[in-house]
Amino acid sequence: MQLIDKSKVKEMIDLLIDQDLYIHLEMTMGAYASHVDSSKHPAATFISNAVIRYTHGSISGNGPFRVGLKTSQGWIYSEGLTHYEDEDVERLIMAGHDSQGKLIVALQLSREPF
C-alpha cells in the first residue's frame, strides 16, 4: 500500500460512480486490544459485502483523509484513511493506520464480493 495520493483516489472514486458495488468498511479503536491495555475503549464497526451504489464521491483533508459517498438514501463516509492500493485498478482499497502501523480503519469498494 502507498500513502494516499488524493487526485488518484478521486479518479478511482469517480470511475465507480453509478455502479452496484460491494463495500467493506471496518473501524477498530482497541476492540481487539482492550484485553492487553484496559485503558483502551473497545469500539469497532464492521460491514462486508453489502451492495451500495453512489452518485457522488469525494475525498477531503490533507492526511489522514476522509472519503464520502453519496447514495440515494444518504451518505457513507470513512475518516482517518492514510493508504491505498495503487496497483489494483478494479477495486478501491484504502486503509488508515496509526503511528505504530496498526489498522484503524478500512474502506474497500469492488464490483466483486470480498
Protein backbone atom coordinates (compact mmCIF):
# COMPACT_ATOMS: atom_id res chain seq x y z
CA MET A 1 0.00 0.00 0.00
CA GLN A 2 1.06 3.56 -0.71
CA LEU A 3 0.35 6.83 1.03
CA ILE A 4 -2.85 8.27 -0.38
CA ASP A 5 -2.45 10.37 -3.50
CA LYS A 6 -5.60 12.48 -3.27
CA SER A 7 -6.00 13.08 -7.00
CA LYS A 8 -5.51 9.40 -7.90
CA VAL A 9 -8.01 8.24 -5.28
CA LYS A 10 -10.53 10.81 -6.53
CA GLU A 11 -10.13 9.41 -10.06
CA MET A 12 -10.77 5.90 -8.76
CA ILE A 13 -13.83 7.07 -6.81
CA ASP A 14 -15.23 8.71 -9.95
CA LEU A 15 -14.67 5.54 -12.03
CA LEU A 16 -17.01 3.60 -9.72
CA ILE A 17 -19.93 6.08 -9.67
CA ASP A 18 -23.42 4.72 -10.50
CA GLN A 19 -22.46 1.04 -10.28
CA ASP A 20 -23.59 -1.70 -7.94
CA LEU A 21 -20.57 -2.24 -5.70
CA TYR A 22 -19.67 -4.38 -2.77
CA ILE A 23 -18.43 -2.44 0.23
CA HIS A 24 -16.18 -3.50 3.05
CA LEU A 25 -15.96 -0.95 5.86
CA GLU A 26 -14.37 -1.51 9.21
CA MET A 27 -13.07 0.55 12.09
CA THR A 28 -11.45 -0.52 15.32
CA MET A 29 -10.33 1.62 18.21
CA GLY A 30 -8.99 -1.05 20.51
CA ALA A 31 -11.73 -3.66 20.27
CA TYR A 32 -9.05 -6.30 19.74
CA ALA A 33 -6.58 -4.78 22.18
CA SER A 34 -8.61 -3.95 25.29
CA HIS A 35 -7.55 -7.26 26.89
CA VAL A 36 -3.92 -6.08 26.62
CA ASP A 37 -4.47 -2.43 27.59
CA SER A 38 -7.57 -1.83 29.70
CA SER A 39 -7.28 1.95 29.11
CA LYS A 40 -8.37 1.44 25.51
CA HIS A 41 -12.08 1.86 24.96
CA PRO A 42 -13.23 -1.09 22.87
CA ALA A 43 -15.04 0.13 19.76
CA ALA A 44 -15.44 -1.43 16.35
CA THR A 45 -17.56 -1.29 13.19
CA PHE A 46 -17.67 -3.93 10.50
CA ILE A 47 -19.72 -4.37 7.33
CA SER A 48 -18.70 -6.58 4.46
CA ASN A 49 -20.18 -7.41 1.06
CA ALA A 50 -23.19 -5.13 1.35
CA VAL A 51 -24.20 -3.75 -2.04
CA ILE A 52 -24.23 0.02 -2.50
CA ARG A 53 -24.48 2.48 -5.37
CA TYR A 54 -23.29 6.06 -5.02
CA THR A 55 -23.92 9.08 -7.19
CA HIS A 56 -21.15 11.32 -5.87
CA GLY A 57 -17.86 10.59 -4.15
CA SER A 58 -15.35 12.90 -2.54
CA ILE A 59 -12.04 12.82 -0.73
CA SER A 60 -11.07 15.63 1.62
CA GLY A 61 -8.35 16.55 4.06
CA ASN A 62 -4.59 16.75 3.90
CA GLY A 63 -3.95 13.40 5.56
CA PRO A 64 -5.39 11.50 7.17
CA PHE A 65 -8.19 11.72 4.63
CA ARG A 66 -11.96 11.44 4.66
CA VAL A 67 -13.89 9.74 1.85
CA GLY A 68 -17.61 10.36 1.44
CA LEU A 69 -20.01 8.51 -0.84
CA LYS A 70 -23.49 9.94 -1.51
CA THR A 71 -26.13 7.26 -2.04
CA SER A 72 -29.81 7.72 -2.89
CA GLN A 73 -30.61 7.15 0.80
CA GLY A 74 -27.85 9.18 2.46
CA TRP A 75 -24.10 9.23 2.97
CA ILE A 76 -21.37 6.73 3.78
CA TYR A 77 -18.10 8.16 4.98
CA SER A 78 -14.84 6.99 6.42
CA GLU A 79 -12.30 9.18 8.14
CA GLY A 80 -8.68 8.56 9.06
CA LEU A 81 -7.58 6.97 5.78
CA THR A 82 -3.84 7.10 5.11
CA HIS A 83 -3.03 4.45 2.47
CA TYR A 84 -4.45 2.96 -0.71
CA GLU A 85 -3.65 0.11 -3.06
CA ASP A 86 -2.36 1.76 -6.23
CA GLU A 87 -1.85 -1.43 -8.27
CA ASP A 88 -5.46 -2.66 -8.20
CA VAL A 89 -7.48 -0.84 -10.85
CA GLU A 90 -10.62 -2.98 -10.44
CA ARG A 91 -11.11 -2.24 -6.74
CA LEU A 92 -10.58 0.75 -4.49
CA ILE A 93 -8.84 -0.41 -1.33
CA MET A 94 -7.99 2.15 1.35
CA ALA A 95 -6.84 1.88 4.94
CA GLY A 96 -5.90 4.09 7.85
CA HIS A 97 -3.01 3.13 10.10
CA ASP A 98 -1.99 4.60 13.44
CA SER A 99 1.53 5.79 14.30
CA GLN A 100 2.50 2.19 15.15
CA GLY A 101 1.27 0.89 11.78
CA LYS A 102 -1.80 -0.82 13.19
CA LEU A 103 -5.01 -0.84 11.16
CA ILE A 104 -7.60 1.62 12.46
CA VAL A 105 -9.99 1.91 9.50
CA ALA A 106 -10.53 0.25 6.12
CA LEU A 107 -12.81 1.22 3.22
CA GLN A 108 -12.93 -1.02 0.17
CA LEU A 109 -15.14 -0.96 -2.92
CA SER A 110 -15.36 -3.64 -5.61
CA ARG A 111 -17.61 -4.92 -8.38
CA GLU A 112 -16.97 -8.43 -6.99
CA PRO A 113 -17.51 -9.65 -3.40
CA PHE A 114 -14.59 -9.58 -0.99
